[in-house]
N, C-alpha and C. Protein backbone atom coordinates (compact mmCIF):
# COMPACT_ATOMS: atom_id res chain seq x y z
N MET A 1 -0.84 8.13 -10.42
CA MET A 1 -0.43 7.71 -11.60
C MET A 1 -0.97 8.26 -13.05
N ALA A 2 -2.03 7.59 -13.64
CA ALA A 2 -2.93 8.25 -14.99
C ALA A 2 -3.47 8.76 -14.70
N ALA A 3 -4.53 9.66 -15.06
CA ALA A 3 -6.22 10.39 -14.42
C ALA A 3 -7.04 10.30 -16.08
N GLU A 4 -8.22 9.79 -16.08
CA GLU A 4 -8.54 10.43 -17.69
C GLU A 4 -9.78 10.36 -17.14
N THR A 5 -10.74 11.40 -17.43
CA THR A 5 -12.63 11.60 -17.28
C THR A 5 -13.14 11.72 -18.57
N ILE A 6 -14.13 10.84 -18.28
CA ILE A 6 -14.92 10.01 -19.53
C ILE A 6 -16.70 10.96 -19.45
N ARG A 7 -16.40 11.43 -20.50
CA ARG A 7 -17.73 12.40 -20.42
C ARG A 7 -18.66 11.56 -21.50
N LEU A 8 -20.21 11.91 -21.04
CA LEU A 8 -20.35 11.02 -22.70
C LEU A 8 -21.06 12.83 -23.09
N GLU A 9 -20.99 12.54 -24.30
CA GLU A 9 -21.79 14.24 -24.50
C GLU A 9 -22.66 14.14 -25.57
N GLY A 10 -23.45 14.44 -26.45
CA GLY A 10 -24.61 14.43 -27.23
C GLY A 10 -25.30 13.65 -27.70
N GLN A 11 -24.91 13.18 -25.95
CA GLN A 11 -26.60 11.93 -25.75
C GLN A 11 -27.54 12.42 -24.90
N LYS A 12 -28.75 13.76 -25.08
CA LYS A 12 -29.20 13.75 -24.09
C LYS A 12 -30.47 13.57 -23.75
N GLU A 13 -30.92 12.97 -24.51
CA GLU A 13 -32.03 11.17 -23.95
C GLU A 13 -31.58 10.57 -23.16
N LEU A 14 -30.05 9.95 -23.79
CA LEU A 14 -29.61 9.09 -21.91
C LEU A 14 -29.60 10.33 -20.60
N ALA A 15 -28.39 11.50 -20.73
CA ALA A 15 -28.54 12.12 -19.82
C ALA A 15 -29.96 12.96 -18.98
N ASN A 16 -30.93 12.80 -19.74
CA ASN A 16 -32.47 13.27 -19.18
C ASN A 16 -32.78 11.65 -18.61
N ARG A 17 -32.35 10.92 -19.00
CA ARG A 17 -33.15 9.56 -18.68
C ARG A 17 -31.98 9.37 -16.94
N LEU A 18 -31.54 9.69 -17.08
CA LEU A 18 -30.23 9.87 -15.94
C LEU A 18 -30.62 10.74 -14.90
N ARG A 19 -31.15 11.31 -15.66
CA ARG A 19 -31.29 12.62 -14.33
C ARG A 19 -33.11 12.08 -13.49
N ALA A 20 -33.45 11.72 -14.60
CA ALA A 20 -35.09 11.59 -13.93
C ALA A 20 -34.58 9.76 -12.95
N LEU A 21 -33.76 9.05 -12.75
CA LEU A 21 -33.24 8.37 -12.37
C LEU A 21 -33.66 8.59 -11.05
N GLY A 22 -32.37 10.14 -10.53
CA GLY A 22 -32.44 10.70 -9.33
C GLY A 22 -31.96 9.83 -7.93
N GLY A 23 -31.29 10.54 -7.33
CA GLY A 23 -31.15 10.06 -5.56
C GLY A 23 -30.23 8.34 -5.89
N SER A 24 -30.82 7.87 -4.69
CA SER A 24 -30.01 6.49 -4.80
C SER A 24 -30.12 5.87 -5.94
N ARG A 25 -31.24 5.64 -6.76
CA ARG A 25 -30.84 4.65 -7.98
C ARG A 25 -30.01 5.38 -9.13
N LEU A 26 -29.87 6.82 -8.73
CA LEU A 26 -28.73 7.12 -10.12
C LEU A 26 -27.36 6.55 -9.45
N ARG A 27 -26.99 6.79 -7.85
CA ARG A 27 -25.79 6.54 -7.58
C ARG A 27 -25.82 5.03 -7.89
N ARG A 28 -26.43 4.52 -7.42
CA ARG A 28 -26.29 2.65 -8.10
C ARG A 28 -25.96 2.67 -9.49
N ALA A 29 -26.70 3.13 -10.70
CA ALA A 29 -26.20 3.26 -11.76
C ALA A 29 -24.93 3.88 -12.10
N ALA A 30 -24.22 4.86 -11.26
CA ALA A 30 -22.99 5.68 -11.88
C ALA A 30 -21.87 4.71 -11.16
N ILE A 31 -22.62 3.93 -10.09
CA ILE A 31 -21.05 3.19 -9.55
C ILE A 31 -21.25 1.42 -10.56
N ALA A 32 -22.10 0.93 -11.03
CA ALA A 32 -22.14 -0.01 -11.94
C ALA A 32 -21.91 0.39 -12.79
N ALA A 33 -21.71 1.29 -13.64
CA ALA A 33 -21.15 1.71 -14.93
C ALA A 33 -19.69 1.72 -14.79
N VAL A 34 -19.32 2.69 -13.88
CA VAL A 34 -17.93 2.86 -13.51
C VAL A 34 -16.85 1.30 -13.46
N GLN A 35 -17.98 0.54 -12.15
CA GLN A 35 -17.29 -0.91 -11.73
C GLN A 35 -17.15 -1.59 -13.23
N GLN A 36 -18.40 -1.32 -14.40
CA GLN A 36 -18.29 -2.14 -15.58
C GLN A 36 -17.15 -1.21 -15.86
N GLY A 37 -16.54 -0.34 -16.29
CA GLY A 37 -15.55 0.53 -16.80
C GLY A 37 -14.62 0.22 -16.94
N MET A 38 -14.39 -0.15 -15.41
CA MET A 38 -12.83 -0.30 -14.34
C MET A 38 -12.57 -1.97 -14.78
N LYS A 39 -13.01 -3.07 -15.18
CA LYS A 39 -12.64 -4.24 -15.35
C LYS A 39 -11.95 -4.19 -16.45
N PRO A 40 -11.64 -3.89 -17.92
CA PRO A 40 -11.08 -4.18 -18.95
C PRO A 40 -9.45 -3.25 -18.65
N LEU A 41 -9.59 -2.55 -17.98
CA LEU A 41 -8.44 -1.84 -17.52
C LEU A 41 -7.73 -2.69 -16.31
N LEU A 42 -8.36 -2.85 -15.41
CA LEU A 42 -7.52 -4.02 -14.45
C LEU A 42 -7.27 -4.95 -15.10
N GLN A 43 -8.23 -5.74 -15.85
CA GLN A 43 -7.14 -6.79 -17.05
C GLN A 43 -5.81 -6.85 -17.45
N SER A 44 -6.02 -5.43 -18.08
CA SER A 44 -5.35 -4.89 -19.07
C SER A 44 -3.80 -5.05 -18.20
N ALA A 45 -4.11 -4.06 -17.16
CA ALA A 45 -3.34 -4.18 -15.97
C ALA A 45 -2.47 -5.30 -15.34
N LYS A 46 -3.30 -5.90 -14.70
CA LYS A 46 -2.83 -7.28 -14.67
C LYS A 46 -1.72 -8.25 -15.86
N ARG A 47 -2.52 -8.25 -16.95
CA ARG A 47 -1.41 -8.89 -18.23
C ARG A 47 -0.74 -8.34 -18.35
N LEU A 48 -0.22 -6.83 -18.13
CA LEU A 48 0.65 -6.27 -18.29
C LEU A 48 2.08 -5.87 -17.26
N VAL A 49 1.97 -6.25 -16.35
CA VAL A 49 2.92 -5.97 -14.98
C VAL A 49 3.72 -7.27 -15.46
N PRO A 50 4.87 -6.78 -14.58
CA PRO A 50 5.74 -7.41 -14.35
C PRO A 50 5.69 -8.51 -13.33
N VAL A 51 6.10 -9.54 -13.70
CA VAL A 51 6.31 -10.37 -12.58
C VAL A 51 7.25 -11.19 -11.84
N SER A 52 7.39 -10.81 -10.55
CA SER A 52 8.85 -11.41 -10.45
C SER A 52 8.53 -12.22 -9.08
N SER A 53 7.64 -11.26 -8.30
CA SER A 53 7.12 -12.41 -6.76
C SER A 53 5.55 -12.90 -7.10
N GLY A 54 4.54 -12.27 -7.52
CA GLY A 54 3.66 -12.13 -7.90
C GLY A 54 2.94 -11.34 -6.65
N ARG A 55 3.81 -10.19 -5.99
CA ARG A 55 3.10 -8.84 -4.90
C ARG A 55 2.23 -7.92 -6.07
N LEU A 56 2.96 -7.33 -6.64
CA LEU A 56 2.10 -6.49 -7.59
C LEU A 56 0.88 -6.81 -7.70
N ARG A 57 1.41 -7.38 -8.76
CA ARG A 57 -0.26 -7.92 -9.74
C ARG A 57 -1.30 -8.74 -8.68
N ALA A 58 -0.56 -8.88 -7.98
CA ALA A 58 -1.99 -9.52 -6.95
C ALA A 58 -2.27 -8.26 -6.03
N SER A 59 -1.66 -7.01 -5.74
CA SER A 59 -1.88 -6.48 -5.55
C SER A 59 -3.17 -5.29 -6.17
N LEU A 60 -2.76 -5.25 -7.04
CA LEU A 60 -4.04 -4.48 -8.23
C LEU A 60 -5.54 -5.29 -8.03
N GLY A 61 -6.15 -3.86 -8.14
CA GLY A 61 -7.80 -3.75 -7.62
C GLY A 61 -8.41 -2.89 -8.73
N ALA A 62 -10.18 -3.03 -8.49
CA ALA A 62 -10.46 -1.56 -8.60
C ALA A 62 -10.94 -0.51 -7.68
N GLY A 63 -11.18 0.00 -7.35
CA GLY A 63 -12.36 0.82 -6.92
C GLY A 63 -13.27 1.61 -7.08
N VAL A 64 -14.57 1.97 -6.27
CA VAL A 64 -15.09 3.16 -7.16
C VAL A 64 -15.73 4.32 -5.66
N GLN A 65 -15.15 5.05 -5.91
CA GLN A 65 -15.62 6.50 -5.31
C GLN A 65 -17.07 7.11 -5.80
N VAL A 66 -18.28 7.58 -4.71
CA VAL A 66 -18.83 8.03 -4.75
C VAL A 66 -18.66 9.61 -4.87
N ARG A 67 -18.91 10.43 -5.66
CA ARG A 67 -19.21 12.08 -5.35
C ARG A 67 -19.85 12.65 -5.00
N ARG A 68 -20.30 12.88 -3.81
CA ARG A 68 -21.76 13.01 -3.12
C ARG A 68 -21.97 14.55 -3.56
N ARG A 69 -21.26 15.61 -3.83
CA ARG A 69 -21.81 16.73 -4.01
C ARG A 69 -21.94 16.97 -4.77
N LYS A 70 -21.30 16.39 -6.37
CA LYS A 70 -21.72 16.12 -7.32
C LYS A 70 -22.11 14.86 -7.95
N ASP A 71 -23.06 15.01 -9.12
CA ASP A 71 -23.50 13.91 -9.60
C ASP A 71 -22.00 12.96 -9.89
N GLY A 72 -21.97 11.73 -10.35
CA GLY A 72 -21.26 11.08 -10.53
C GLY A 72 -20.27 9.98 -9.37
N ALA A 73 -19.05 9.03 -9.96
CA ALA A 73 -18.36 8.55 -9.31
C ALA A 73 -16.99 8.61 -10.00
N ILE A 74 -16.17 7.86 -8.78
CA ILE A 74 -15.27 8.01 -9.59
C ILE A 74 -14.48 6.66 -9.79
N GLY A 75 -13.68 6.19 -10.34
CA GLY A 75 -13.21 4.65 -10.73
C GLY A 75 -11.82 4.94 -10.69
N ARG A 76 -11.15 3.86 -9.95
CA ARG A 76 -9.47 4.05 -9.48
C ARG A 76 -9.16 2.45 -9.47
N VAL A 77 -7.66 2.42 -10.48
CA VAL A 77 -7.38 0.86 -10.76
C VAL A 77 -6.05 1.47 -10.54
N GLY A 78 -5.79 0.55 -9.47
CA GLY A 78 -4.08 0.65 -8.97
C GLY A 78 -4.05 -0.24 -7.68
N PRO A 79 -2.72 -0.16 -6.89
CA PRO A 79 -2.64 -1.61 -6.09
C PRO A 79 -3.47 -0.68 -4.73
N ARG A 80 -3.64 -2.08 -3.75
CA ARG A 80 -4.96 -2.01 -3.24
C ARG A 80 -4.14 -2.33 -1.21
N ARG A 81 -3.97 -1.69 -0.75
CA ARG A 81 -3.39 -2.22 0.38
C ARG A 81 -3.75 -3.64 1.13
N ASP A 82 -4.77 -3.90 0.97
CA ASP A 82 -5.07 -5.22 1.93
C ASP A 82 -5.53 -6.30 0.78
N PHE A 83 -4.52 -7.26 0.54
CA PHE A 83 -4.35 -8.26 0.13
C PHE A 83 -3.54 -9.28 0.71
N ARG A 84 -4.09 -10.68 -0.26
CA ARG A 84 -3.51 -12.05 0.27
C ARG A 84 -2.88 -12.23 -1.17
N PHE A 85 -1.63 -13.20 -1.51
CA PHE A 85 -0.87 -13.72 -2.21
C PHE A 85 -0.41 -14.71 -2.00
N THR A 86 0.06 -16.09 -2.52
CA THR A 86 0.71 -17.09 -2.46
C THR A 86 2.38 -16.37 -3.56
N GLY A 87 3.27 -16.43 -2.78
CA GLY A 87 4.36 -15.94 -3.58
C GLY A 87 5.08 -16.95 -4.68
N LYS A 88 5.70 -16.37 -5.51
CA LYS A 88 6.62 -16.92 -6.70
C LYS A 88 7.62 -16.55 -6.58
N GLY A 89 8.62 -17.11 -7.42
CA GLY A 89 10.41 -16.57 -7.57
C GLY A 89 11.04 -16.53 -6.37
N ARG A 90 11.35 -15.67 -5.90
CA ARG A 90 12.20 -15.80 -4.30
C ARG A 90 11.24 -16.05 -2.99
N LEU A 91 9.70 -15.61 -3.60
CA LEU A 91 9.31 -16.02 -2.58
C LEU A 91 8.38 -16.90 -2.59
N LYS A 92 8.48 -18.24 -3.73
CA LYS A 92 7.75 -19.14 -4.27
C LYS A 92 7.31 -20.21 -2.93
N GLY A 93 5.67 -20.60 -3.44
CA GLY A 93 5.35 -20.76 -2.08
C GLY A 93 4.92 -20.53 -0.63
N GLN A 94 5.34 -19.17 -0.38
CA GLN A 94 5.88 -17.89 0.74
C GLN A 94 3.87 -17.49 0.75
N LYS A 95 3.19 -17.56 1.61
CA LYS A 95 1.68 -16.84 1.63
C LYS A 95 1.50 -16.19 2.50
N LEU A 96 1.76 -15.00 1.90
CA LEU A 96 1.41 -13.47 2.83
C LEU A 96 0.28 -12.86 2.53
N VAL A 97 -0.15 -11.89 3.56
CA VAL A 97 -1.15 -10.95 3.60
C VAL A 97 -0.51 -10.16 3.60
N SER A 98 -0.87 -8.62 3.44
CA SER A 98 -0.81 -6.52 3.26
C SER A 98 -1.94 -6.26 3.89
N GLY A 99 -1.25 -5.05 4.44
CA GLY A 99 -2.41 -4.24 4.79
C GLY A 99 -2.90 -4.19 6.64
N SER A 100 -4.00 -4.16 7.37
CA SER A 100 -4.60 -4.40 8.19
C SER A 100 -6.06 -4.46 7.99
N GLY A 101 -6.30 -4.82 9.11
CA GLY A 101 -7.61 -4.75 9.45
C GLY A 101 -7.98 -6.32 9.42
N LYS A 102 -9.57 -6.85 9.21
CA LYS A 102 -10.44 -7.80 9.51
C LYS A 102 -9.64 -9.19 8.50
N GLN A 103 -9.19 -8.40 7.42
CA GLN A 103 -8.48 -9.40 6.56
C GLN A 103 -8.02 -9.73 6.79
N ARG A 104 -6.80 -8.98 7.35
CA ARG A 104 -5.48 -9.44 7.76
C ARG A 104 -5.22 -10.40 8.53
N ASP A 105 -6.30 -10.27 9.77
CA ASP A 105 -6.34 -11.28 11.13
C ASP A 105 -7.03 -12.50 10.74
N LYS A 106 -7.91 -12.43 9.68
CA LYS A 106 -8.53 -13.79 9.43
C LYS A 106 -6.73 -14.64 8.60
N ALA A 107 -6.22 -14.06 7.54
CA ALA A 107 -5.07 -14.33 7.02
C ALA A 107 -4.15 -14.95 8.46
N LEU A 108 -3.80 -14.30 9.16
CA LEU A 108 -2.95 -14.18 9.83
C LEU A 108 -3.07 -15.50 10.41
N ALA A 109 -4.56 -16.16 11.02
CA ALA A 109 -5.04 -16.97 11.12
C ALA A 109 -5.22 -18.00 10.58
N LYS A 110 -4.73 -18.10 9.38
CA LYS A 110 -4.54 -19.02 8.53
C LYS A 110 -3.34 -20.05 8.06
N GLY A 111 -2.79 -18.92 8.96
CA GLY A 111 -1.13 -19.61 8.59
C GLY A 111 -0.43 -18.40 7.38
N TYR A 112 -1.14 -17.32 7.37
CA TYR A 112 0.18 -16.45 6.45
C TYR A 112 0.30 -15.67 7.48
N ALA A 113 2.01 -15.41 6.80
CA ALA A 113 3.05 -14.34 6.97
C ALA A 113 2.05 -12.90 7.00
N GLN A 114 2.19 -11.92 7.27
CA GLN A 114 2.77 -10.10 7.02
C GLN A 114 3.69 -10.18 6.52
N ASP A 115 3.43 -9.47 5.62
CA ASP A 115 3.88 -8.99 4.18
C ASP A 115 3.64 -6.80 4.80
N ARG A 116 5.13 -6.59 4.64
CA ARG A 116 5.49 -5.76 5.34
C ARG A 116 5.68 -4.51 4.42
N THR A 117 5.57 -4.87 3.19
CA THR A 117 6.08 -3.87 1.49
C THR A 117 4.53 -2.85 1.53
N ASN A 118 4.83 -1.69 1.34
CA ASN A 118 3.86 -0.79 0.70
C ASN A 118 3.71 -0.97 -0.35
N PRO A 119 2.43 -1.30 -1.18
CA PRO A 119 1.85 -1.89 -2.18
C PRO A 119 1.96 -0.54 -3.52
N SER A 120 1.35 0.25 -2.70
CA SER A 120 1.50 2.02 -3.46
C SER A 120 3.03 2.38 -4.02
N MET A 121 4.14 2.18 -2.75
CA MET A 121 5.07 2.70 -3.32
C MET A 121 5.78 1.60 -4.09
N TYR A 122 5.89 0.27 -4.08
CA TYR A 122 6.01 -0.57 -4.86
C TYR A 122 6.06 0.00 -6.30
N ALA A 123 4.46 -0.52 -6.38
CA ALA A 123 4.00 -0.57 -7.62
C ALA A 123 4.77 1.80 -8.33
N ARG A 124 4.49 2.15 -7.85
CA ARG A 124 5.45 3.14 -7.83
C ARG A 124 7.03 3.61 -8.30
N GLY A 125 7.07 2.58 -7.79
CA GLY A 125 8.51 1.85 -8.67
C GLY A 125 8.78 1.17 -9.68
N ILE A 126 7.84 0.32 -9.89
CA ILE A 126 8.04 -0.54 -11.16
C ILE A 126 7.41 0.16 -12.35
N GLU A 127 6.50 0.67 -11.68
CA GLU A 127 5.11 1.96 -13.26
C GLU A 127 6.55 3.15 -13.39
N LEU A 128 7.18 3.73 -12.56
CA LEU A 128 7.84 4.84 -13.03
C LEU A 128 9.46 4.78 -13.07
N GLY A 129 9.61 3.60 -12.69
CA GLY A 129 11.51 3.51 -12.41
C GLY A 129 12.14 3.74 -11.15
N VAL A 130 11.39 4.76 -10.38
CA VAL A 130 12.05 5.51 -9.57
C VAL A 130 11.31 5.44 -8.63
N ASP A 131 11.48 5.65 -7.09
CA ASP A 131 10.58 5.79 -5.82
C ASP A 131 10.81 7.35 -5.96
N LYS A 132 9.58 7.60 -4.85
CA LYS A 132 10.01 8.52 -4.45
C LYS A 132 10.22 9.55 -4.09
N SER A 133 11.73 9.45 -4.08
CA SER A 133 12.72 10.37 -4.02
C SER A 133 13.46 10.38 -4.78
N GLY A 134 13.02 9.34 -5.90
CA GLY A 134 14.09 9.94 -7.06
C GLY A 134 15.34 8.75 -7.67
N ARG A 135 15.07 7.37 -6.45
CA ARG A 135 15.73 6.79 -6.59
C ARG A 135 16.00 5.79 -7.72
N VAL A 136 16.74 5.02 -8.07
CA VAL A 136 16.62 3.57 -9.06
C VAL A 136 15.91 2.62 -8.37
N ARG A 137 14.70 2.54 -9.05
CA ARG A 137 14.12 0.95 -8.71
C ARG A 137 14.10 -0.07 -9.06
N ARG A 138 14.14 0.10 -10.74
CA ARG A 138 13.92 -0.79 -11.74
C ARG A 138 15.61 -0.53 -12.45
N LYS A 139 15.92 -1.55 -12.38
CA LYS A 139 17.18 -1.09 -13.78
C LYS A 139 16.72 -1.33 -15.10
N ALA A 140 16.28 -2.38 -15.01
CA ALA A 140 15.41 -2.40 -16.46
C ALA A 140 14.75 -1.19 -16.98
N GLY A 141 14.24 -0.17 -16.16
CA GLY A 141 13.42 1.08 -16.85
C GLY A 141 12.16 1.33 -16.40
N PRO A 142 11.49 2.13 -16.47
CA PRO A 142 10.37 1.93 -15.98
C PRO A 142 9.14 1.15 -17.00
N ALA A 143 8.42 0.38 -15.96
CA ALA A 143 7.27 -0.64 -17.02
C ALA A 143 6.28 -0.23 -17.59
N ARG A 144 6.07 0.75 -16.71
CA ARG A 144 4.48 1.44 -17.38
C ARG A 144 3.31 0.99 -17.80
N PHE A 145 3.47 0.03 -16.94
CA PHE A 145 2.45 -0.93 -17.13
C PHE A 145 0.61 -0.82 -17.26
N MET A 146 0.29 0.69 -16.38
CA MET A 146 -0.88 1.07 -15.69
C MET A 146 -0.94 1.69 -16.74
N ILE A 147 -0.25 3.06 -17.46
CA ILE A 147 -0.36 3.77 -18.55
C ILE A 147 -0.62 2.66 -19.99
N ARG A 148 0.36 1.75 -20.33
CA ARG A 148 -0.59 1.09 -21.43
C ARG A 148 -1.65 0.37 -21.32
N ALA A 149 -2.27 -0.03 -20.04
CA ALA A 149 -3.34 -0.94 -19.81
C ALA A 149 -4.54 0.52 -20.21
N LEU A 150 -4.02 1.70 -19.55
CA LEU A 150 -5.42 3.03 -19.99
C LEU A 150 -4.90 3.10 -21.37
N GLU A 151 -4.19 3.55 -22.07
CA GLU A 151 -3.81 3.56 -23.24
C GLU A 151 -4.88 2.59 -24.02
N SER A 152 -4.66 1.14 -24.32
CA SER A 152 -4.74 0.35 -25.06
C SER A 152 -6.68 0.01 -24.08
N GLN A 153 -7.26 -0.18 -23.36
CA GLN A 153 -8.08 0.08 -22.62
C GLN A 153 -9.14 0.82 -22.61
N LYS A 154 -8.98 2.41 -23.32
CA LYS A 154 -9.42 3.30 -22.56
C LYS A 154 -10.87 3.24 -23.31
N GLN A 155 -10.94 3.24 -24.64
CA GLN A 155 -12.12 2.97 -25.74
C GLN A 155 -13.02 1.81 -25.14
N ALA A 156 -12.47 0.55 -24.21
CA ALA A 156 -13.36 -0.56 -24.28
C ALA A 156 -14.10 -0.35 -22.82
N ALA A 157 -13.26 0.77 -21.56
CA ALA A 157 -14.09 1.69 -20.50
C ALA A 157 -14.75 1.74 -20.82
N ILE A 158 -14.32 3.13 -21.81
CA ILE A 158 -15.69 4.23 -22.19
C ILE A 158 -16.93 2.77 -22.55
N ASP A 159 -17.13 2.61 -23.93
CA ASP A 159 -18.40 1.25 -23.95
C ASP A 159 -18.49 0.32 -22.86
N ALA A 160 -17.97 0.14 -22.45
CA ALA A 160 -18.99 -0.52 -20.91
C ALA A 160 -19.41 0.80 -19.82
N VAL A 161 -18.97 1.57 -19.92
CA VAL A 161 -19.97 2.19 -18.86
C VAL A 161 -21.36 3.12 -19.57
N ALA A 162 -20.90 3.39 -21.14
CA ALA A 162 -22.35 3.94 -21.61
C ALA A 162 -23.49 2.70 -21.62
N ALA A 163 -22.51 1.25 -22.12
CA ALA A 163 -23.35 0.04 -22.31
C ALA A 163 -24.29 0.65 -21.00
N GLU A 164 -23.47 -0.08 -19.87
CA GLU A 164 -24.36 -0.20 -18.39
C GLU A 164 -25.48 0.93 -17.98
N LEU A 165 -24.91 1.92 -18.19
CA LEU A 165 -25.90 3.45 -18.13
C LEU A 165 -27.51 2.74 -18.93
N ARG A 166 -26.68 2.45 -20.54
CA ARG A 166 -28.18 2.37 -21.49
C ARG A 166 -29.07 1.52 -20.98
N SER A 167 -28.45 0.66 -19.94
CA SER A 167 -29.21 -0.74 -19.82
C SER A 167 -29.83 -0.39 -18.13
N ARG A 168 -29.22 0.70 -17.69
CA ARG A 168 -30.09 0.82 -16.45
C ARG A 168 -31.34 2.26 -16.46
N VAL A 169 -31.00 2.73 -17.81
CA VAL A 169 -32.45 3.53 -17.72
C VAL A 169 -33.45 3.16 -19.03
N ALA A 170 -33.41 1.98 -19.69
CA ALA A 170 -34.25 1.28 -20.85
C ALA A 170 -35.15 1.62 -20.36
N PRO A 171 -36.11 1.80 -21.47
CA PRO A 171 -37.70 2.14 -21.48
C PRO A 171 -38.16 0.80 -20.48
């Protein structure tokens, strides 16, 4: 989908304080900052996503990946593999669980049914209007909810990352 790189430039004092943290404290600060930056993007994406059954909205989540060889963290907003939801529309009232692993097993034990839809492929069809092979999946055209969320909340995400980093290195 869409990718955006955030660099805080011109703030030498902040950069020096971050380097002084070093090791695990720097890693924790980067993770916390990226998590804060993902919140406005996720909220906006959930607000903008078209809802038919509620599956796509329920699958949206945010995650952080730490880059070991380089200083920094990568934040991703998009569909998750493992999630639970109660259907709306044509799936009204059905309790479904997607994915695999312990969460799915617990949900199945509670009476949820297995949802076999691949959330990433489903999201691609809604976002772009076509699936991987190029077949039209959305007659209304591409929804572009993720791109619109990024465009509308980019500055809020940058501000949240900067504020969290400043709070972590405050003297």
